[in-house]
Amino acid sequence: MYVYTAYNLGIHSELPLPELIPSDKPADVVIRLGKLNEPPQKRSDGGNYLLATIAEFGMVLVKDGKEIVIDPNPGVDEDIIRTFLVGVIICVLLRQRGLLVLHASSVVIDGSAVAFMADSGFGKSTLAECFHAHGYSILTDDVLAIQVGEKQSLVIPGFPQIKLWPDAVASFGHVPESLPLLNSQTVKRVHRLQDGFFQQSVPLKKIYVLGWGTHAEIVPLEAKQSFGELVRHSREMQALTAPEFLKEHFRQCMSVVKQVPIYSLRRQRSLAALPELVKLVENDLVQGNLSPVTI
């Protein structure tokens, strides 16, 4: 088996996963191939035993936060399999392990995590890449895994890769064709970081919810808004529907709202304006706008 690490886990896989960091860690998670379309199969419970069919991929079983069994459709490209594995499938596994998982990217600033949360297409990865270009380390791209504690929440490091559209790649001085495609079904490229990736968990300092605007602007969100944004940007809510998972998820979101300030960050669509956005965030953090809302 291939042995890697991501999200502080030892991952042993029958498939090569070049996105991840090679490791000699013992197995916390095992990824293997297997037949899932042959009875008898235990019925999916929407929780710690999740059996699902993904049209573009095939069948997958995610069990107890420890095991992933994949049964790909015939002829599916390996890069498609990997995209789903390190995306939606790993999100389910991380949630089974008790983590809050958000649709966000994060960077390390002054020893703490600053997260950028948004739907697809709002520039989470592009903004993270811009911070990386300014000398900041990346913690995670697109999948933000949080260990929610009673008084403090920690962001768990993912793996050293940022997904970028070709125009964003070019804006950072790379030749798009010099970077590998994410998979054969997209023009997105992947920047596999050679340096500037932070491999330790750090406290979550602040969350910015990205949106479009006529100018760059940072505005605090009220508690109700903050809670709603966390729920809306939580990963794989439609998959993990068991009552105990829903209850724990809402508890985690409420805890983060109490611990971490959540702000709206509106910006122009222009890639040329990104460096100014980095300065805006830097100044906002220096000003110490770090008081979470009172509930």
Protein backbone atom coordinates (compact mmCIF):
# COMPACT_ATOMS: atom_id res chain seq x y z
CA MET A 1 0.00 0.00 0.00
CA TYR A 2 0.94 3.63 -0.49
CA VAL A 3 1.32 5.52 2.80
CA TYR A 4 0.54 9.23 3.15
CA THR A 5 -0.48 11.83 5.67
CA ALA A 6 -3.21 14.50 5.49
CA TYR A 7 -5.36 16.07 8.20
CA ASN A 8 -2.90 14.65 10.77
CA LEU A 9 -3.93 11.13 9.76
CA GLY A 10 -1.91 8.19 8.53
CA ILE A 11 -3.60 7.22 5.24
CA HIS A 12 -2.82 3.81 3.72
CA SER A 13 -4.15 3.53 0.16
CA GLU A 14 -4.21 0.91 -2.57
CA LEU A 15 -4.28 3.82 -5.03
CA PRO A 16 -1.46 6.33 -5.47
CA LEU A 17 -2.47 9.78 -4.20
CA PRO A 18 0.30 12.16 -5.34
CA GLU A 19 -1.58 15.13 -3.87
CA LEU A 20 -0.78 13.91 -0.36
CA ILE A 21 2.49 13.91 1.60
CA PRO A 22 4.35 10.55 1.74
CA SER A 23 4.62 9.26 5.30
CA ASP A 24 5.46 6.29 7.48
CA LYS A 25 2.58 6.85 9.90
CA PRO A 26 0.55 3.85 11.05
CA ALA A 27 -2.87 3.51 9.46
CA ASP A 28 -5.63 5.72 10.83
CA VAL A 29 -7.47 5.39 7.51
CA VAL A 30 -7.38 2.63 4.90
CA ILE A 31 -8.48 3.23 1.30
CA ARG A 32 -9.06 0.14 -0.81
CA LEU A 33 -10.82 -1.11 -3.90
CA GLY A 34 -13.77 -3.46 -3.53
CA LYS A 35 -17.07 -4.60 -5.02
CA LEU A 36 -20.00 -2.71 -3.50
CA ASN A 37 -22.77 -3.52 -5.98
CA GLU A 38 -23.09 -7.15 -4.94
CA PRO A 39 -25.44 -8.15 -2.08
CA PRO A 40 -25.49 -8.50 0.79
CA GLN A 41 -24.67 -4.95 1.80
CA LYS A 42 -25.65 -3.30 5.02
CA ARG A 43 -28.00 -0.40 4.42
CA SER A 44 -26.46 3.06 4.62
CA ASP A 45 -27.37 4.75 7.91
CA GLY A 46 -26.53 8.36 7.00
CA GLY A 47 -23.84 8.36 9.66
CA ASN A 48 -20.91 6.09 10.43
CA TYR A 49 -21.80 3.64 7.66
CA LEU A 50 -22.31 5.67 4.50
CA LEU A 51 -22.82 3.77 1.25
CA ALA A 52 -23.38 6.07 -1.71
CA THR A 53 -23.46 6.16 -5.50
CA ILE A 54 -21.82 9.09 -7.30
CA ALA A 55 -22.84 9.28 -10.96
CA GLU A 56 -19.46 10.46 -12.30
CA PHE A 57 -17.49 8.11 -10.08
CA GLY A 58 -19.18 4.90 -8.97
CA MET A 59 -19.94 3.53 -5.52
CA VAL A 60 -18.20 4.34 -2.26
CA LEU A 61 -18.43 3.13 1.32
CA VAL A 62 -17.13 5.35 4.12
CA LYS A 63 -17.13 3.56 7.45
CA ASP A 64 -16.47 4.73 11.02
CA GLY A 65 -14.05 7.44 9.93
CA LYS A 66 -11.46 4.72 9.35
CA GLU A 67 -12.19 2.96 6.07
CA ILE A 68 -12.98 3.98 2.49
CA VAL A 69 -13.93 1.32 -0.04
CA ILE A 70 -14.30 2.47 -3.63
CA ASP A 71 -15.94 0.65 -6.53
CA PRO A 72 -15.37 2.93 -9.56
CA ASN A 73 -17.42 2.78 -12.73
CA PRO A 74 -15.65 0.95 -15.58
CA GLY A 75 -13.30 3.25 -17.47
CA VAL A 76 -13.29 6.10 -14.96
CA ASP A 77 -10.00 7.99 -15.12
CA GLU A 78 -7.78 7.71 -12.08
CA ASP A 79 -7.60 11.50 -11.75
CA ILE A 80 -11.41 11.60 -11.44
CA ILE A 81 -11.21 8.98 -8.69
CA ARG A 82 -8.57 11.01 -6.86
CA THR A 83 -10.57 14.22 -7.18
CA PHE A 84 -13.54 12.64 -5.43
CA LEU A 85 -11.36 10.85 -2.87
CA VAL A 86 -9.57 13.96 -1.62
CA GLY A 87 -12.74 16.05 -1.99
CA VAL A 88 -16.25 14.97 -1.05
CA ILE A 89 -15.25 11.50 0.19
CA ILE A 90 -12.57 12.71 2.60
CA CYS A 91 -15.06 15.32 3.86
CA VAL A 92 -17.46 12.56 4.89
CA LEU A 93 -14.67 10.64 6.61
CA LEU A 94 -13.47 13.72 8.51
CA ARG A 95 -16.99 14.40 9.72
CA GLN A 96 -17.32 10.80 10.86
CA ARG A 97 -14.18 11.44 12.92
CA GLY A 98 -15.93 14.29 14.72
CA LEU A 99 -14.52 17.28 12.87
CA LEU A 100 -16.46 20.29 11.63
CA VAL A 101 -15.73 20.49 7.89
CA LEU A 102 -16.35 23.73 6.00
CA HIS A 103 -16.11 24.82 2.37
CA ALA A 104 -13.15 27.12 2.97
CA SER A 105 -9.43 27.65 2.46
CA SER A 106 -7.06 28.89 5.14
CA VAL A 107 -3.63 30.43 5.64
CA VAL A 108 -1.41 30.93 8.69
CA ILE A 109 -0.94 34.51 9.89
CA ASP A 110 1.04 35.17 13.08
CA GLY A 111 0.71 31.57 14.19
CA SER A 112 -3.06 31.30 13.77
CA ALA A 113 -5.42 30.21 11.01
CA VAL A 114 -7.39 32.74 8.99
CA ALA A 115 -10.09 31.15 6.84
CA PHE A 116 -11.84 32.27 3.66
CA MET A 117 -15.24 30.62 3.30
CA ALA A 118 -17.51 30.68 0.25
CA ASP A 119 -19.33 28.69 -2.38
CA SER A 120 -17.42 27.45 -5.43
CA GLY A 121 -16.39 30.24 -7.77
CA PHE A 122 -15.95 33.01 -5.20
CA GLY A 123 -12.15 32.84 -5.14
CA LYS A 124 -11.24 30.99 -1.93
CA SER A 125 -8.34 29.17 -3.54
CA THR A 126 -7.23 32.19 -5.57
CA LEU A 127 -7.10 34.37 -2.46
CA ALA A 128 -5.19 31.67 -0.57
CA GLU A 129 -2.72 31.48 -3.47
CA CYS A 130 -2.28 35.25 -3.29
CA PHE A 131 -1.48 35.05 0.42
CA HIS A 132 0.99 32.27 -0.39
CA ALA A 133 2.61 34.54 -2.98
CA HIS A 134 2.97 37.15 -0.23
CA GLY A 135 4.91 34.72 1.96
CA TYR A 136 2.15 33.18 4.07
CA SER A 137 1.84 29.42 4.55
CA ILE A 138 -1.18 27.45 3.36
CA LEU A 139 -3.04 25.21 5.80
CA THR A 140 -5.76 23.84 3.56
CA ASP A 141 -7.58 24.51 0.30
CA ASP A 142 -11.33 24.04 -0.14
CA VAL A 143 -11.71 21.55 2.74
CA LEU A 144 -11.38 23.22 6.15
CA ALA A 145 -11.32 20.65 8.95
CA ILE A 146 -11.80 22.07 12.44
CA GLN A 147 -11.33 20.34 15.78
CA VAL A 148 -13.90 22.19 17.87
CA GLY A 149 -12.90 22.52 21.52
CA GLU A 150 -14.70 23.97 24.51
CA LYS A 151 -12.64 27.17 24.53
CA GLN A 152 -10.61 27.03 21.34
CA SER A 153 -10.93 25.47 17.90
CA LEU A 154 -7.99 24.18 15.87
CA VAL A 155 -7.62 24.01 12.10
CA ILE A 156 -6.16 20.69 10.93
CA PRO A 157 -3.65 20.92 8.03
CA GLY A 158 -4.80 19.34 4.77
CA PHE A 159 -2.31 18.73 1.96
CA PRO A 160 -0.08 21.03 -0.15
CA GLN A 161 -2.22 21.67 -3.20
CA ILE A 162 -4.24 24.65 -4.46
CA LYS A 163 -6.81 24.37 -7.26
CA LEU A 164 -6.80 27.30 -9.70
CA TRP A 165 -8.50 28.38 -12.90
CA PRO A 166 -6.10 29.11 -15.81
CA ASP A 167 -6.54 32.90 -15.61
CA ALA A 168 -5.64 32.82 -11.93
CA VAL A 169 -2.61 30.63 -12.66
CA ALA A 170 -1.40 33.15 -15.24
CA SER A 171 -2.00 36.10 -12.89
CA PHE A 172 0.48 34.59 -10.42
CA GLY A 173 3.16 34.25 -13.09
CA HIS A 174 2.77 30.55 -13.85
CA VAL A 175 2.24 29.06 -17.29
CA PRO A 176 -1.08 27.18 -16.99
CA GLU A 177 0.17 24.29 -19.11
CA SER A 178 3.11 23.83 -16.74
CA LEU A 179 0.75 22.77 -13.94
CA PRO A 180 -1.16 19.47 -14.00
CA LEU A 181 -4.87 19.42 -14.71
CA LEU A 182 -7.09 18.64 -11.72
CA ASN A 183 -8.74 15.98 -13.87
CA SER A 184 -9.81 15.34 -17.45
CA GLN A 185 -13.26 16.90 -16.93
CA THR A 186 -12.09 20.42 -16.06
CA VAL A 187 -9.63 23.10 -17.17
CA LYS A 188 -8.67 23.76 -13.55
CA ARG A 189 -4.99 23.34 -12.72
CA VAL A 190 -3.35 22.29 -9.46
CA HIS A 191 -0.43 24.06 -7.85
CA ARG A 192 1.36 21.45 -5.74
CA LEU A 193 3.33 23.47 -3.23
CA GLN A 194 7.02 22.77 -2.82
CA ASP A 195 7.18 25.05 0.21
CA GLY A 196 4.91 27.29 2.22
CA PHE A 197 2.65 24.53 3.54
CA PHE A 198 2.07 24.44 7.30
CA GLN A 199 1.89 20.92 8.74
CA GLN A 200 0.73 21.64 12.29
CA SER A 201 -2.71 22.36 13.71
CA VAL A 202 -3.17 25.99 14.76
CA PRO A 203 -5.94 27.97 16.49
CA LEU A 204 -8.68 29.38 14.26
CA LYS A 205 -8.39 33.16 14.56
CA LYS A 206 -10.97 34.55 12.14
CA ILE A 207 -13.31 33.56 9.31
CA TYR A 208 -14.05 35.77 6.32
CA VAL A 209 -17.12 34.96 4.22
CA LEU A 210 -16.33 35.94 0.63
CA GLY A 211 -18.74 37.78 -1.64
CA TRP A 212 -18.72 40.13 -4.61
CA GLY A 213 -18.98 43.90 -4.31
CA THR A 214 -18.15 47.14 -6.10
CA HIS A 215 -15.23 47.69 -3.72
CA ALA A 216 -13.31 45.80 -1.05
CA GLU A 217 -15.08 45.88 2.29
CA ILE A 218 -14.97 44.02 5.61
CA VAL A 219 -18.12 43.99 7.74
CA PRO A 220 -18.81 42.02 10.96
CA LEU A 221 -21.65 39.50 10.95
CA GLU A 222 -24.17 39.13 13.74
CA ALA A 223 -24.52 35.82 15.59
CA LYS A 224 -27.53 34.63 13.60
CA GLN A 225 -25.82 35.48 10.30
CA SER A 226 -22.59 33.79 11.41
CA PHE A 227 -24.37 30.59 12.40
CA GLY A 228 -26.28 30.54 9.12
CA GLU A 229 -23.10 30.98 7.08
CA LEU A 230 -21.37 28.12 8.91
CA VAL A 231 -24.30 25.79 8.30
CA ARG A 232 -24.63 26.87 4.66
CA HIS A 233 -20.95 26.28 3.97
CA SER A 234 -20.67 22.97 5.82
CA ARG A 235 -19.47 20.07 3.70
CA GLU A 236 -21.61 17.04 2.81
CA MET A 237 -24.66 18.00 4.87
CA GLN A 238 -26.83 16.10 2.40
CA ALA A 239 -24.90 12.88 3.02
CA LEU A 240 -24.70 12.70 6.80
CA THR A 241 -28.33 12.98 7.86
CA ALA A 242 -28.39 10.75 10.96
CA PRO A 243 -29.95 12.70 13.87
CA GLU A 244 -26.86 12.43 16.06
CA PHE A 245 -24.70 13.88 13.28
CA LEU A 246 -27.06 16.80 12.74
CA LYS A 247 -27.23 17.56 16.47
CA GLU A 248 -23.46 17.47 16.86
CA HIS A 249 -22.95 19.55 13.74
CA PHE A 250 -25.21 22.35 14.95
CA ARG A 251 -23.49 22.26 18.36
CA GLN A 252 -20.10 22.63 16.68
CA CYS A 253 -21.30 25.56 14.57
CA MET A 254 -22.66 27.31 17.65
CA SER A 255 -19.36 26.79 19.48
CA VAL A 256 -17.38 28.31 16.60
CA VAL A 257 -19.71 31.33 16.51
CA LYS A 258 -19.01 31.89 20.22
CA GLN A 259 -15.23 31.49 19.82
CA VAL A 260 -14.31 33.00 16.46
CA PRO A 261 -15.18 36.37 14.87
CA ILE A 262 -16.85 35.92 11.48
CA TYR A 263 -16.82 38.78 8.99
CA SER A 264 -18.11 39.42 5.49
CA LEU A 265 -15.34 40.18 3.00
CA ARG A 266 -16.64 41.65 -0.23
CA ARG A 267 -14.34 42.21 -3.16
CA GLN A 268 -14.21 43.11 -6.82
CA ARG A 269 -13.95 40.32 -9.37
CA SER A 270 -10.66 41.67 -10.76
CA LEU A 271 -7.64 39.44 -10.16
CA ALA A 272 -5.47 42.56 -10.26
CA ALA A 273 -7.15 43.76 -7.04
CA LEU A 274 -6.10 40.69 -5.01
CA PRO A 275 -2.88 42.19 -3.56
CA GLU A 276 -4.92 45.08 -2.17
CA LEU A 277 -7.24 42.52 -0.58
CA VAL A 278 -4.27 40.91 1.17
CA LYS A 279 -3.35 44.31 2.62
CA LEU A 280 -6.94 44.91 3.68
CA VAL A 281 -7.04 41.62 5.60
CA GLU A 282 -3.61 42.26 7.13
CA ASN A 283 -4.74 45.68 8.35
CA ASP A 284 -8.01 44.27 9.67
CA LEU A 285 -6.12 41.70 11.73
CA VAL A 286 -3.64 44.30 13.01
CA GLN A 287 -6.54 46.47 14.16
CA GLY A 288 -7.55 43.61 16.41
CA ASN A 289 -11.14 43.08 15.27
CA LEU A 290 -11.12 39.70 16.96
CA SER A 291 -14.05 39.74 19.36
CA PRO A 292 -16.56 36.96 18.66
CA VAL A 293 -20.21 37.81 18.95
CA THR A 294 -22.11 37.31 22.18
CA ILE A 295 -24.94 34.79 22.09
